[in-house]
Amino acid sequence: MSPPSTTSPGRADPDGYPRELERDVVAGDGLCYHVRPIRREDAPRLVAFHEHLSTRSVYLRFFTLHPTLSDAEVARFTTVDYVDRLALVATVDDRLIAVARYDRPPGETEAEVAFVVADEYQHHGIGSRLLDDLATAARARGVLTFRAETLAENHQMLDVFRHAGFPVSAHTEYGTVTLRFPIAVTPDHEAARARHEAKTLAAGEAT
């Protein structure tokens, strides 16, 4: 049985909102969640999401202690154009449990990508799913390459990037790893995506 959709057919979408990127997901372990582009009205949900992250998760995402998002950060993170700047969120019962985003300068083909998953929802494959969905959306918008910066100690995030099926190059300096990888579809990426879909299908058949 598929998870119930949280899409509201009659709602008013922001200009350029890509509703086609919305989807319901059943993870391999049976977790049901909804993926959709971020909206401006997600501001209070984003604030609550950030406040409930552990100190370590915040440190790994921002490279510093950053317990509270400023009003300017909340506005910037939730106000996107869905082309040069796009963020996808995963939700359970209208609560944000993960955020993934890319940001590219206008006219360029490389975008910076980052994501964070709520502590209690880590190890469910959500980061891998969001990275894959984000790459698919980015390719359709002319992005050719993703760049990511993470701490060398953030093994979980490094694994997500390295197991996505893209040819990743990495450079480490002063404990920070910079990764670059083209996001064109490759046989390795198709195989990784097929594994994700197979887990999702198996979980859906079992519920």
N, C-alpha and C. Protein backbone atom coordinates (compact mmCIF):
# COMPACT_ATOMS: atom_id res chain seq x y z
N MET A 1 0.85 -1.19 0.00
CA MET A 1 0.00 0.00 0.00
C MET A 1 0.88 1.24 0.00
N SER A 2 0.56 2.19 -0.86
CA SER A 2 1.35 3.42 -0.95
C SER A 2 1.01 4.35 0.19
N PRO A 3 1.94 5.24 0.59
CA PRO A 3 1.64 6.21 1.64
C PRO A 3 0.66 7.22 1.15
N PRO A 4 -0.16 7.79 2.02
CA PRO A 4 -1.12 8.81 1.59
C PRO A 4 -0.40 10.06 1.13
N SER A 5 -0.83 10.61 0.01
CA SER A 5 -0.21 11.82 -0.51
C SER A 5 -0.62 13.02 0.33
N THR A 6 0.33 13.95 0.52
CA THR A 6 0.02 15.17 1.26
C THR A 6 -0.18 16.35 0.32
N THR A 7 -0.27 16.07 -0.98
CA THR A 7 -0.49 17.12 -1.95
C THR A 7 -1.92 17.62 -1.86
N SER A 8 -2.13 18.94 -1.91
CA SER A 8 -3.45 19.53 -1.91
C SER A 8 -3.77 20.03 -3.31
N PRO A 9 -4.63 19.32 -4.06
CA PRO A 9 -4.86 19.66 -5.47
C PRO A 9 -5.31 21.09 -5.69
N GLY A 10 -6.04 21.69 -4.74
CA GLY A 10 -6.59 23.01 -4.97
C GLY A 10 -5.75 24.16 -4.46
N ARG A 11 -4.56 23.90 -3.97
CA ARG A 11 -3.77 24.97 -3.38
C ARG A 11 -3.18 25.87 -4.47
N ALA A 12 -2.78 27.06 -4.08
CA ALA A 12 -2.13 28.00 -5.00
C ALA A 12 -0.62 27.82 -4.87
N ASP A 13 0.05 27.48 -5.97
CA ASP A 13 1.49 27.26 -5.95
C ASP A 13 2.23 28.56 -6.23
N PRO A 14 3.45 28.71 -5.68
CA PRO A 14 4.27 29.88 -6.02
C PRO A 14 4.62 29.86 -7.51
N ASP A 15 5.01 31.01 -8.05
CA ASP A 15 5.42 31.09 -9.45
C ASP A 15 6.57 30.12 -9.71
N GLY A 16 6.41 29.30 -10.74
CA GLY A 16 7.47 28.38 -11.13
C GLY A 16 7.56 27.13 -10.28
N TYR A 17 6.64 26.95 -9.34
CA TYR A 17 6.71 25.79 -8.45
C TYR A 17 6.58 24.50 -9.26
N PRO A 18 7.58 23.60 -9.17
CA PRO A 18 7.57 22.37 -9.97
C PRO A 18 6.85 21.23 -9.25
N ARG A 19 5.55 21.21 -9.35
CA ARG A 19 4.78 20.20 -8.63
C ARG A 19 5.14 18.78 -9.09
N GLU A 20 5.71 18.66 -10.31
CA GLU A 20 6.08 17.32 -10.80
C GLU A 20 7.19 16.68 -9.97
N LEU A 21 7.86 17.48 -9.14
CA LEU A 21 8.92 16.92 -8.29
C LEU A 21 8.39 16.35 -6.99
N GLU A 22 7.08 16.46 -6.77
CA GLU A 22 6.50 15.88 -5.56
C GLU A 22 6.32 14.37 -5.74
N ARG A 23 6.58 13.64 -4.66
CA ARG A 23 6.38 12.19 -4.72
C ARG A 23 6.27 11.64 -3.31
N ASP A 24 5.56 10.53 -3.18
CA ASP A 24 5.51 9.78 -1.93
C ASP A 24 6.51 8.65 -2.01
N VAL A 25 7.18 8.39 -0.92
CA VAL A 25 8.23 7.38 -0.89
C VAL A 25 7.99 6.43 0.27
N VAL A 26 8.18 5.14 0.01
CA VAL A 26 8.23 4.14 1.07
C VAL A 26 9.65 3.61 1.10
N ALA A 27 10.39 3.89 2.15
CA ALA A 27 11.78 3.45 2.25
C ALA A 27 11.86 1.94 2.39
N GLY A 28 13.07 1.42 2.20
CA GLY A 28 13.25 -0.02 2.26
C GLY A 28 12.86 -0.65 3.58
N ASP A 29 12.88 0.15 4.66
CA ASP A 29 12.49 -0.37 5.97
C ASP A 29 11.05 -0.04 6.32
N GLY A 30 10.28 0.47 5.33
CA GLY A 30 8.87 0.73 5.55
C GLY A 30 8.53 2.15 5.94
N LEU A 31 9.52 3.03 6.16
CA LEU A 31 9.24 4.41 6.50
C LEU A 31 8.55 5.11 5.33
N CYS A 32 7.43 5.79 5.59
CA CYS A 32 6.70 6.53 4.56
C CYS A 32 6.97 8.03 4.72
N TYR A 33 7.35 8.69 3.65
CA TYR A 33 7.54 10.13 3.71
C TYR A 33 7.23 10.75 2.35
N HIS A 34 7.05 12.05 2.35
CA HIS A 34 6.68 12.80 1.15
C HIS A 34 7.84 13.72 0.77
N VAL A 35 8.18 13.76 -0.50
CA VAL A 35 9.23 14.64 -1.02
C VAL A 35 8.57 15.71 -1.88
N ARG A 36 8.97 16.95 -1.67
CA ARG A 36 8.43 18.06 -2.47
C ARG A 36 9.39 19.24 -2.43
N PRO A 37 9.26 20.15 -3.38
CA PRO A 37 10.07 21.38 -3.32
C PRO A 37 9.67 22.23 -2.11
N ILE A 38 10.63 22.96 -1.59
CA ILE A 38 10.36 23.83 -0.45
C ILE A 38 9.47 24.99 -0.89
N ARG A 39 8.70 25.52 0.06
CA ARG A 39 7.81 26.65 -0.18
C ARG A 39 8.08 27.72 0.88
N ARG A 40 7.74 28.95 0.57
CA ARG A 40 8.02 30.05 1.49
C ARG A 40 7.34 29.83 2.84
N GLU A 41 6.15 29.23 2.82
CA GLU A 41 5.43 29.02 4.08
C GLU A 41 6.03 27.90 4.93
N ASP A 42 7.11 27.28 4.44
CA ASP A 42 7.81 26.28 5.24
C ASP A 42 8.71 26.92 6.30
N ALA A 43 8.76 28.24 6.36
CA ALA A 43 9.67 28.92 7.29
C ALA A 43 9.56 28.39 8.72
N PRO A 44 8.36 28.33 9.32
CA PRO A 44 8.30 27.83 10.70
C PRO A 44 8.70 26.36 10.81
N ARG A 45 8.41 25.57 9.78
CA ARG A 45 8.81 24.16 9.81
C ARG A 45 10.33 24.03 9.75
N LEU A 46 10.97 24.89 8.95
CA LEU A 46 12.43 24.86 8.85
C LEU A 46 13.07 25.27 10.16
N VAL A 47 12.52 26.29 10.81
CA VAL A 47 13.05 26.73 12.11
C VAL A 47 12.96 25.58 13.11
N ALA A 48 11.81 24.91 13.17
CA ALA A 48 11.62 23.80 14.11
C ALA A 48 12.56 22.64 13.76
N PHE A 49 12.70 22.37 12.47
CA PHE A 49 13.61 21.30 12.02
C PHE A 49 15.03 21.57 12.51
N HIS A 50 15.51 22.79 12.30
CA HIS A 50 16.87 23.13 12.70
C HIS A 50 17.04 23.06 14.22
N GLU A 51 16.04 23.54 14.94
CA GLU A 51 16.14 23.56 16.40
C GLU A 51 16.21 22.16 17.00
N HIS A 52 15.67 21.17 16.30
CA HIS A 52 15.66 19.81 16.82
C HIS A 52 16.86 18.98 16.35
N LEU A 53 17.72 19.56 15.51
CA LEU A 53 18.94 18.86 15.13
C LEU A 53 19.89 18.80 16.32
N SER A 54 20.64 17.71 16.40
CA SER A 54 21.65 17.62 17.45
C SER A 54 22.76 18.62 17.19
N THR A 55 23.51 18.94 18.23
CA THR A 55 24.64 19.86 18.08
C THR A 55 25.61 19.35 17.03
N ARG A 56 25.83 18.02 17.02
CA ARG A 56 26.78 17.46 16.05
C ARG A 56 26.25 17.59 14.62
N SER A 57 24.96 17.32 14.41
CA SER A 57 24.41 17.44 13.06
C SER A 57 24.52 18.86 12.55
N VAL A 58 24.25 19.83 13.42
CA VAL A 58 24.39 21.24 13.03
C VAL A 58 25.84 21.56 12.70
N TYR A 59 26.76 21.07 13.52
CA TYR A 59 28.18 21.32 13.28
C TYR A 59 28.63 20.72 11.94
N LEU A 60 28.18 19.50 11.64
CA LEU A 60 28.58 18.87 10.39
C LEU A 60 28.00 19.59 9.18
N ARG A 61 26.83 20.21 9.34
CA ARG A 61 26.20 20.94 8.22
C ARG A 61 26.82 22.31 8.04
N PHE A 62 27.06 23.06 9.15
CA PHE A 62 27.49 24.45 9.04
C PHE A 62 28.96 24.66 9.40
N PHE A 63 29.64 23.58 9.84
CA PHE A 63 31.05 23.64 10.20
C PHE A 63 31.30 24.50 11.44
N THR A 64 30.25 24.79 12.18
CA THR A 64 30.38 25.60 13.39
C THR A 64 29.14 25.38 14.24
N LEU A 65 29.18 25.83 15.48
CA LEU A 65 27.98 25.78 16.32
C LEU A 65 27.01 26.84 15.82
N HIS A 66 25.81 26.44 15.49
CA HIS A 66 24.85 27.37 14.88
C HIS A 66 23.45 26.93 15.30
N PRO A 67 23.12 27.10 16.58
CA PRO A 67 21.87 26.53 17.11
C PRO A 67 20.60 27.14 16.57
N THR A 68 20.66 28.38 16.07
CA THR A 68 19.45 29.07 15.63
C THR A 68 19.67 29.71 14.27
N LEU A 69 18.72 29.53 13.37
CA LEU A 69 18.79 30.21 12.07
C LEU A 69 18.32 31.65 12.23
N SER A 70 19.02 32.56 11.59
CA SER A 70 18.59 33.96 11.61
C SER A 70 17.39 34.13 10.69
N ASP A 71 16.67 35.23 10.85
CA ASP A 71 15.54 35.52 9.98
C ASP A 71 15.99 35.60 8.52
N ALA A 72 17.16 36.17 8.29
CA ALA A 72 17.68 36.29 6.92
C ALA A 72 17.96 34.91 6.34
N GLU A 73 18.52 34.01 7.15
CA GLU A 73 18.79 32.66 6.67
C GLU A 73 17.50 31.92 6.35
N VAL A 74 16.52 32.04 7.21
CA VAL A 74 15.24 31.37 6.97
C VAL A 74 14.62 31.87 5.67
N ALA A 75 14.65 33.18 5.46
CA ALA A 75 14.09 33.74 4.23
C ALA A 75 14.85 33.24 3.01
N ARG A 76 16.18 33.20 3.11
CA ARG A 76 16.98 32.76 1.96
C ARG A 76 16.78 31.28 1.67
N PHE A 77 16.70 30.48 2.71
CA PHE A 77 16.57 29.04 2.52
C PHE A 77 15.19 28.63 1.99
N THR A 78 14.16 29.41 2.30
CA THR A 78 12.80 29.03 1.89
C THR A 78 12.32 29.77 0.66
N THR A 79 13.04 30.80 0.23
CA THR A 79 12.66 31.55 -0.96
C THR A 79 13.62 31.18 -2.09
N VAL A 80 13.15 30.36 -3.01
CA VAL A 80 13.99 29.87 -4.11
C VAL A 80 13.28 30.14 -5.42
N ASP A 81 14.03 30.09 -6.53
CA ASP A 81 13.41 30.33 -7.84
C ASP A 81 13.12 29.04 -8.58
N TYR A 82 13.48 27.88 -7.99
CA TYR A 82 13.23 26.55 -8.54
C TYR A 82 14.00 26.29 -9.84
N VAL A 83 14.96 27.16 -10.17
CA VAL A 83 15.79 26.96 -11.35
C VAL A 83 17.27 27.01 -10.95
N ASP A 84 17.74 28.22 -10.58
CA ASP A 84 19.12 28.35 -10.12
C ASP A 84 19.27 27.94 -8.66
N ARG A 85 18.17 28.07 -7.92
CA ARG A 85 18.18 27.66 -6.52
C ARG A 85 16.96 26.78 -6.27
N LEU A 86 17.21 25.58 -5.81
CA LEU A 86 16.12 24.63 -5.59
C LEU A 86 16.40 23.85 -4.31
N ALA A 87 15.38 23.67 -3.52
CA ALA A 87 15.49 22.83 -2.32
C ALA A 87 14.35 21.85 -2.30
N LEU A 88 14.65 20.62 -1.93
CA LEU A 88 13.65 19.58 -1.74
C LEU A 88 13.59 19.24 -0.26
N VAL A 89 12.39 19.03 0.23
CA VAL A 89 12.22 18.62 1.63
C VAL A 89 11.53 17.27 1.68
N ALA A 90 11.83 16.52 2.71
CA ALA A 90 11.10 15.29 3.03
C ALA A 90 10.27 15.56 4.26
N THR A 91 9.02 15.14 4.24
CA THR A 91 8.12 15.42 5.36
C THR A 91 7.42 14.14 5.82
N VAL A 92 7.14 14.09 7.10
CA VAL A 92 6.30 13.06 7.70
C VAL A 92 5.25 13.78 8.54
N ASP A 93 3.98 13.57 8.23
CA ASP A 93 2.90 14.25 8.96
C ASP A 93 3.13 15.76 9.04
N ASP A 94 3.52 16.33 7.91
CA ASP A 94 3.72 17.78 7.78
C ASP A 94 4.94 18.30 8.54
N ARG A 95 5.75 17.41 9.07
CA ARG A 95 6.98 17.81 9.75
C ARG A 95 8.16 17.59 8.82
N LEU A 96 9.04 18.59 8.70
CA LEU A 96 10.25 18.44 7.91
C LEU A 96 11.20 17.46 8.61
N ILE A 97 11.66 16.48 7.86
CA ILE A 97 12.64 15.52 8.41
C ILE A 97 13.96 15.56 7.64
N ALA A 98 14.01 16.27 6.51
CA ALA A 98 15.25 16.38 5.75
C ALA A 98 15.11 17.51 4.74
N VAL A 99 16.25 18.11 4.41
CA VAL A 99 16.30 19.18 3.41
C VAL A 99 17.53 18.97 2.55
N ALA A 100 17.35 19.06 1.24
CA ALA A 100 18.47 19.00 0.30
C ALA A 100 18.33 20.15 -0.67
N ARG A 101 19.43 20.79 -1.03
CA ARG A 101 19.34 21.95 -1.90
C ARG A 101 20.56 22.07 -2.81
N TYR A 102 20.33 22.74 -3.94
CA TYR A 102 21.47 23.16 -4.75
C TYR A 102 21.34 24.65 -5.02
N ASP A 103 22.47 25.26 -5.27
CA ASP A 103 22.54 26.70 -5.49
C ASP A 103 23.63 26.95 -6.53
N ARG A 104 23.26 27.59 -7.63
CA ARG A 104 24.27 27.91 -8.64
C ARG A 104 24.18 29.37 -9.02
N PRO A 105 25.32 30.00 -9.33
CA PRO A 105 25.29 31.38 -9.83
C PRO A 105 24.62 31.39 -11.20
N PRO A 106 23.86 32.43 -11.51
CA PRO A 106 23.19 32.52 -12.80
C PRO A 106 24.18 32.38 -13.96
N GLY A 107 23.81 31.58 -14.94
CA GLY A 107 24.64 31.42 -16.13
C GLY A 107 25.70 30.35 -16.02
N GLU A 108 25.90 29.78 -14.84
CA GLU A 108 26.91 28.74 -14.68
C GLU A 108 26.27 27.36 -14.72
N THR A 109 27.11 26.34 -14.89
CA THR A 109 26.60 24.97 -14.98
C THR A 109 26.99 24.12 -13.78
N GLU A 110 27.71 24.71 -12.83
CA GLU A 110 28.07 24.00 -11.60
C GLU A 110 27.26 24.56 -10.44
N ALA A 111 26.72 23.68 -9.62
CA ALA A 111 25.93 24.10 -8.47
C ALA A 111 26.48 23.47 -7.20
N GLU A 112 26.39 24.22 -6.12
CA GLU A 112 26.77 23.68 -4.82
C GLU A 112 25.58 22.95 -4.23
N VAL A 113 25.82 21.78 -3.66
CA VAL A 113 24.75 20.95 -3.13
C VAL A 113 25.02 20.67 -1.66
N ALA A 114 23.97 20.59 -0.86
CA ALA A 114 24.10 20.27 0.56
C ALA A 114 22.79 19.66 1.03
N PHE A 115 22.87 18.85 2.06
CA PHE A 115 21.65 18.29 2.63
C PHE A 115 21.88 17.94 4.09
N VAL A 116 20.78 17.84 4.82
CA VAL A 116 20.83 17.43 6.22
C VAL A 116 19.56 16.66 6.53
N VAL A 117 19.70 15.61 7.33
CA VAL A 117 18.59 14.75 7.71
C VAL A 117 18.44 14.78 9.22
N ALA A 118 17.21 14.88 9.71
CA ALA A 118 16.97 14.87 11.15
C ALA A 118 17.60 13.63 11.78
N ASP A 119 18.14 13.79 12.97
CA ASP A 119 18.91 12.71 13.60
C ASP A 119 18.14 11.40 13.68
N GLU A 120 16.87 11.46 14.09
CA GLU A 120 16.11 10.23 14.28
C GLU A 120 15.68 9.58 12.97
N TYR A 121 15.91 10.28 11.84
CA TYR A 121 15.55 9.72 10.53
C TYR A 121 16.77 9.39 9.68
N GLN A 122 17.94 9.46 10.27
CA GLN A 122 19.14 9.06 9.55
C GLN A 122 19.20 7.54 9.42
N HIS A 123 19.97 7.07 8.44
CA HIS A 123 20.14 5.64 8.16
C HIS A 123 18.89 5.00 7.56
N HIS A 124 18.05 5.81 6.93
CA HIS A 124 16.88 5.29 6.21
C HIS A 124 17.04 5.46 4.69
N GLY A 125 18.20 5.95 4.25
CA GLY A 125 18.40 6.17 2.82
C GLY A 125 17.79 7.46 2.30
N ILE A 126 17.35 8.35 3.18
CA ILE A 126 16.70 9.58 2.75
C ILE A 126 17.68 10.49 2.02
N GLY A 127 18.89 10.61 2.54
CA GLY A 127 19.89 11.47 1.89
C GLY A 127 20.18 11.02 0.47
N SER A 128 20.32 9.72 0.27
CA SER A 128 20.58 9.19 -1.07
C SER A 128 19.41 9.47 -2.00
N ARG A 129 18.20 9.29 -1.50
CA ARG A 129 17.01 9.55 -2.31
C ARG A 129 16.92 11.01 -2.71
N LEU A 130 17.14 11.92 -1.77
CA LEU A 130 17.05 13.35 -2.07
C LEU A 130 18.15 13.79 -3.02
N LEU A 131 19.36 13.24 -2.87
CA LEU A 131 20.44 13.59 -3.79
C LEU A 131 20.08 13.16 -5.20
N ASP A 132 19.52 11.97 -5.35
CA ASP A 132 19.14 11.48 -6.66
C ASP A 132 18.04 12.35 -7.28
N ASP A 133 17.02 12.67 -6.49
CA ASP A 133 15.93 13.52 -7.00
C ASP A 133 16.44 14.92 -7.34
N LEU A 134 17.36 15.44 -6.51
CA LEU A 134 17.91 16.77 -6.76
C LEU A 134 18.73 16.78 -8.05
N ALA A 135 19.51 15.73 -8.27
CA ALA A 135 20.31 15.64 -9.49
C ALA A 135 19.42 15.57 -10.73
N THR A 136 18.34 14.82 -10.64
CA THR A 136 17.40 14.72 -11.76
C THR A 136 16.81 16.09 -12.09
N ALA A 137 16.40 16.82 -11.06
CA ALA A 137 15.84 18.16 -11.27
C ALA A 137 16.90 19.11 -11.82
N ALA A 138 18.11 19.02 -11.30
CA ALA A 138 19.18 19.93 -11.73
C ALA A 138 19.54 19.70 -13.19
N ARG A 139 19.62 18.44 -13.62
CA ARG A 139 19.93 18.16 -15.03
C ARG A 139 18.90 18.82 -15.95
N ALA A 140 17.64 18.75 -15.57
CA ALA A 140 16.58 19.35 -16.39
C ALA A 140 16.68 20.86 -16.44
N ARG A 141 17.44 21.46 -15.54
CA ARG A 141 17.58 22.91 -15.47
C ARG A 141 18.97 23.37 -15.91
N GLY A 142 19.70 22.50 -16.58
CA GLY A 142 20.97 22.88 -17.18
C GLY A 142 22.19 22.78 -16.29
N VAL A 143 22.04 22.19 -15.11
CA VAL A 143 23.20 21.97 -14.24
C VAL A 143 23.94 20.73 -14.72
N LEU A 144 25.25 20.82 -14.82
CA LEU A 144 26.06 19.70 -15.29
C LEU A 144 26.88 19.05 -14.18
N THR A 145 27.24 19.85 -13.17
CA THR A 145 28.14 19.37 -12.13
C THR A 145 27.66 19.82 -10.76
N PHE A 146 27.80 18.94 -9.79
CA PHE A 146 27.56 19.28 -8.40
C PHE A 146 28.90 19.43 -7.68
N ARG A 147 28.94 20.39 -6.78
CA ARG A 147 30.09 20.56 -5.88
C ARG A 147 29.56 20.52 -4.45
N ALA A 148 30.28 19.84 -3.59
CA ALA A 148 29.88 19.77 -2.19
C ALA A 148 31.10 19.93 -1.31
N GLU A 149 30.91 20.58 -0.17
CA GLU A 149 31.97 20.69 0.83
C GLU A 149 31.46 20.08 2.12
N THR A 150 32.26 19.22 2.70
CA THR A 150 31.87 18.61 3.96
C THR A 150 33.12 18.34 4.78
N LEU A 151 32.94 18.14 6.05
CA LEU A 151 34.08 17.84 6.91
C LEU A 151 34.55 16.41 6.66
N ALA A 152 35.84 16.20 6.76
CA ALA A 152 36.39 14.87 6.52
C ALA A 152 35.83 13.84 7.49
N GLU A 153 35.38 14.29 8.65
CA GLU A 153 34.82 13.36 9.64
C GLU A 153 33.37 12.99 9.36
N ASN A 154 32.76 13.63 8.38
CA ASN A 154 31.36 13.38 8.07
C ASN A 154 31.26 12.18 7.12
N HIS A 155 31.56 11.00 7.65
CA HIS A 155 31.64 9.81 6.81
C HIS A 155 30.30 9.45 6.19
N GLN A 156 29.21 9.71 6.89
CA GLN A 156 27.90 9.36 6.36
C GLN A 156 27.58 10.14 5.09
N MET A 157 27.85 11.45 5.10
CA MET A 157 27.58 12.25 3.92
C MET A 157 28.53 11.87 2.78
N LEU A 158 29.79 11.63 3.11
CA LEU A 158 30.75 11.22 2.08
C LEU A 158 30.30 9.92 1.41
N ASP A 159 29.77 9.00 2.20
CA ASP A 159 29.28 7.73 1.64
C ASP A 159 28.11 7.95 0.70
N VAL A 160 27.22 8.88 1.05
CA VAL A 160 26.08 9.16 0.18
C VAL A 160 26.56 9.63 -1.18
N PHE A 161 27.51 10.55 -1.21
CA PHE A 161 28.02 11.06 -2.49
C PHE A 161 28.77 9.96 -3.26
N ARG A 162 29.57 9.18 -2.58
CA ARG A 162 30.41 8.20 -3.26
C ARG A 162 29.64 6.98 -3.72
N HIS A 163 28.47 6.74 -3.17
CA HIS A 163 27.68 5.58 -3.56
C HIS A 163 26.52 5.95 -4.47
N ALA A 164 26.50 7.19 -4.97
CA ALA A 164 25.41 7.63 -5.82
C ALA A 164 25.58 7.20 -7.28
N GLY A 165 26.75 6.67 -7.61
CA GLY A 165 26.98 6.20 -8.98
C GLY A 165 27.56 7.26 -9.90
N PHE A 166 27.92 8.42 -9.36
CA PHE A 166 28.56 9.46 -10.16
C PHE A 166 30.08 9.38 -9.95
N PRO A 167 30.87 9.76 -10.97
CA PRO A 167 32.34 9.75 -10.82
C PRO A 167 32.81 10.93 -9.97
N VAL A 168 33.10 10.69 -8.72
CA VAL A 168 33.40 11.75 -7.76
C VAL A 168 34.91 11.97 -7.66
N SER A 169 35.32 13.23 -7.73
CA SER A 169 36.70 13.60 -7.41
C SER A 169 36.68 14.38 -6.10
N ALA A 170 37.70 14.18 -5.28
CA ALA A 170 37.71 14.81 -3.95
C ALA A 170 39.07 15.42 -3.67
N HIS A 171 39.03 16.55 -2.99
CA HIS A 171 40.25 17.23 -2.55
C HIS A 171 40.07 17.61 -1.09
N THR A 172 41.02 17.25 -0.26
CA THR A 172 40.94 17.53 1.18
C THR A 172 41.97 18.56 1.58
N GLU A 173 41.53 19.56 2.33
CA GLU A 173 42.43 20.60 2.82
C GLU A 173 41.94 21.06 4.18
N TYR A 174 42.82 20.99 5.17
CA TYR A 174 42.52 21.45 6.53
C TYR A 174 41.23 20.81 7.07
N GLY A 175 41.04 19.53 6.80
CA GLY A 175 39.91 18.81 7.35
C GLY A 175 38.60 18.97 6.61
N THR A 176 38.61 19.73 5.52
CA THR A 176 37.41 19.92 4.70
C THR A 176 37.59 19.24 3.36
N VAL A 177 36.60 18.46 2.97
CA VAL A 177 36.65 17.74 1.70
C VAL A 177 35.77 18.46 0.69
N THR A 178 36.34 18.80 -0.46
CA THR A 178 35.57 19.35 -1.57
C THR A 178 35.39 18.26 -2.62
N LEU A 179 34.14 17.96 -2.93
CA LEU A 179 33.83 16.93 -3.91
C LEU A 179 33.22 17.58 -5.14
N ARG A 180 33.57 17.08 -6.30
CA ARG A 180 32.95 17.50 -7.55
C ARG A 180 32.58 16.26 -8.35
N PHE A 181 31.41 16.31 -8.98
CA PHE A 181 31.02 15.18 -9.81
C PHE A 181 30.00 15.60 -10.85
N PRO A 182 30.20 15.17 -12.09
CA PRO A 182 29.19 15.42 -13.10
C PRO A 182 27.95 14.61 -12.77
N ILE A 183 26.77 15.16 -13.06
CA ILE A 183 25.53 14.49 -12.69
C ILE A 183 24.82 13.88 -13.89
N ALA A 184 25.55 13.75 -15.02
CA ALA A 184 24.98 13.05 -16.17
C ALA A 184 24.71 11.60 -15.78
N VAL A 185 23.67 11.04 -16.34
CA VAL A 185 23.31 9.65 -16.04
C VAL A 185 24.38 8.72 -16.59
N THR A 186 24.85 7.81 -15.75
CA THR A 186 25.84 6.81 -16.13
C THR A 186 25.30 5.43 -15.77
N PRO A 187 25.90 4.37 -16.33
CA PRO A 187 25.46 3.02 -15.94
C PRO A 187 25.55 2.79 -14.43
N ASP A 188 26.60 3.30 -13.80
CA ASP A 188 26.73 3.13 -12.36
C ASP A 188 25.60 3.87 -11.62
N HIS A 189 25.28 5.07 -12.10
CA HIS A 189 24.18 5.81 -11.47
C HIS A 189 22.85 5.10 -11.68
N GLU A 190 22.62 4.60 -12.88
CA GLU A 190 21.37 3.88 -13.15
C GLU A 190 21.25 2.66 -12.25
N ALA A 191 22.39 1.98 -12.01
CA ALA A 191 22.37 0.81 -11.13
C ALA A 191 22.05 1.21 -9.70
N ALA A 192 22.65 2.33 -9.23
CA ALA A 192 22.37 2.81 -7.87
C ALA A 192 20.91 3.21 -7.75
N ARG A 193 20.38 3.88 -8.76
CA ARG A 193 18.98 4.29 -8.73
C ARG A 193 18.06 3.07 -8.73
N ALA A 194 18.42 2.06 -9.51
CA ALA A 194 17.60 0.85 -9.56
C ALA A 194 17.56 0.16 -8.20
N ARG A 195 18.68 0.20 -7.49
CA ARG A 195 18.70 -0.40 -6.15
C ARG A 195 17.76 0.36 -5.22
N HIS A 196 17.77 1.70 -5.31
CA HIS A 196 16.86 2.50 -4.48
C HIS A 196 15.41 2.17 -4.80
N GLU A 197 15.09 2.11 -6.10
CA GLU A 197 13.72 1.85 -6.50
C GLU A 197 13.27 0.45 -6.11
N ALA A 198 14.19 -0.52 -6.19
CA ALA A 198 13.84 -1.88 -5.82
C ALA A 198 13.51 -1.98 -4.34
N LYS A 199 14.26 -1.27 -3.51
CA LYS A 199 13.98 -1.26 -2.08
C LYS A 199 12.64 -0.60 -1.81
N THR A 200 12.36 0.49 -2.54
CA THR A 200 11.10 1.18 -2.35
C THR A 200 9.93 0.28 -2.77
N LEU A 201 10.07 -0.40 -3.91
CA LEU A 201 9.00 -1.27 -4.41
C LEU A 201 8.75 -2.43 -3.45
N ALA A 202 9.85 -3.03 -2.95
CA ALA A 202 9.70 -4.16 -2.05
C ALA A 202 8.99 -3.73 -0.77
N ALA A 203 9.34 -2.54 -0.27
CA ALA A 203 8.69 -2.06 0.96
C ALA A 203 7.22 -1.77 0.70
N GLY A 204 6.90 -1.18 -0.49
CA GLY A 204 5.54 -0.87 -0.81
C GLY A 204 4.68 -2.13 -0.93
N GLU A 205 5.23 -3.19 -1.48
CA GLU A 205 4.48 -4.44 -1.61
C GLU A 205 4.25 -5.11 -0.28
N ALA A 206 5.14 -4.80 0.70
CA ALA A 206 5.04 -5.47 1.98
C ALA A 206 4.09 -4.74 2.93
N THR A 207 3.69 -3.48 2.59
CA THR A 207 2.83 -2.72 3.50
C THR A 207 1.38 -2.87 3.15
